[in-house]
Amino acid sequence: MDLGYLAAGIGAGLVVIGAGLGIGRLAGQAMDASGRNPEALGEIRTSMIISAALIEGVALFGLVICILLAIKS
């Protein structure tokens, strides 16, 4: 029995969960920081956007790996 599709599905689910948790924590911490120091809102927002883009890049890489697993099987 070929388990490549199962591995790809589980891997994709884990990637999405991890990215969601990472971006959620990032946004929560950024909102907390902007509440404590409103003057630094622009710098916090810029750092948050860059970090979120990096997290999404890693998530996209993980999803590509999962697709390759499914295609190879």
Protein backbone atom coordinates (compact mmCIF):
# COMPACT_ATOMS: atom_id res chain seq x y z
CA MET A 1 0.00 0.00 0.00
CA ASP A 2 1.29 3.42 -0.93
CA LEU A 3 1.42 5.83 2.01
CA GLY A 4 2.82 8.86 0.17
CA TYR A 5 -0.57 10.56 -0.03
CA LEU A 6 -1.15 10.00 3.68
CA ALA A 7 2.27 11.40 4.54
CA ALA A 8 1.68 14.41 2.29
CA GLY A 9 -1.70 15.11 3.90
CA ILE A 10 -0.40 14.82 7.44
CA GLY A 11 2.65 16.92 6.57
CA ALA A 12 0.55 19.63 4.95
CA GLY A 13 -1.71 19.73 8.00
CA LEU A 14 1.26 20.07 10.34
CA VAL A 15 2.75 22.83 8.19
CA VAL A 16 -0.48 24.82 8.21
CA ILE A 17 -0.95 24.37 11.96
CA GLY A 18 2.63 25.42 12.66
CA ALA A 19 2.42 28.48 10.42
CA GLY A 20 -0.90 29.51 11.96
CA LEU A 21 0.44 29.20 15.48
CA GLY A 22 3.61 31.08 14.58
CA ILE A 23 1.84 33.99 12.90
CA GLY A 24 -0.77 34.11 15.67
CA ARG A 25 1.87 34.32 18.35
CA LEU A 26 3.78 36.90 16.33
CA ALA A 27 0.72 39.11 15.91
CA GLY A 28 -0.22 38.78 19.57
CA GLN A 29 3.22 39.80 20.74
CA ALA A 30 3.28 42.70 18.26
CA MET A 31 -0.07 43.99 19.51
CA ASP A 32 1.15 43.70 23.09
CA ALA A 33 4.33 45.60 22.23
CA SER A 34 2.43 48.33 20.38
CA GLY A 35 0.09 48.70 23.35
CA ARG A 36 3.03 49.18 25.68
CA ASN A 37 4.96 51.52 23.37
CA PRO A 38 2.66 53.25 20.84
CA GLU A 39 5.48 55.47 19.57
CA ALA A 40 7.27 52.45 18.08
CA LEU A 41 4.23 51.23 16.14
CA GLY A 42 5.83 51.71 12.71
CA GLU A 43 8.96 49.76 13.60
CA ILE A 44 6.93 47.00 15.25
CA ARG A 45 4.64 46.72 12.23
CA THR A 46 7.59 46.50 9.83
CA SER A 47 9.27 43.80 11.91
CA MET A 48 5.99 41.90 12.16
CA ILE A 49 5.40 41.95 8.41
CA ILE A 50 8.94 40.78 7.65
CA SER A 51 8.68 37.98 10.22
CA ALA A 52 5.28 36.88 8.93
CA ALA A 53 6.65 36.75 5.39
CA LEU A 54 9.52 34.55 6.55
CA ILE A 55 7.13 32.23 8.38
CA GLU A 56 4.92 31.96 5.30
CA GLY A 57 7.98 31.28 3.14
CA VAL A 58 8.97 28.35 5.33
CA ALA A 59 5.36 27.10 5.29
CA LEU A 60 5.28 27.29 1.49
CA PHE A 61 8.53 25.33 1.35
CA GLY A 62 7.00 22.67 3.60
CA LEU A 63 3.90 22.45 1.41
CA VAL A 64 6.05 22.04 -1.71
CA ILE A 65 7.84 19.15 0.00
CA CYS A 66 4.45 17.58 0.78
CA ILE A 67 3.32 17.97 -2.83
CA LEU A 68 6.54 16.36 -4.02
CA LEU A 69 5.89 13.46 -1.64
CA ALA A 70 2.42 13.00 -3.10
CA ILE A 71 3.62 13.20 -6.70
CA LYS A 72 6.53 10.82 -6.17
CA SER A 73 4.26 8.11 -4.78
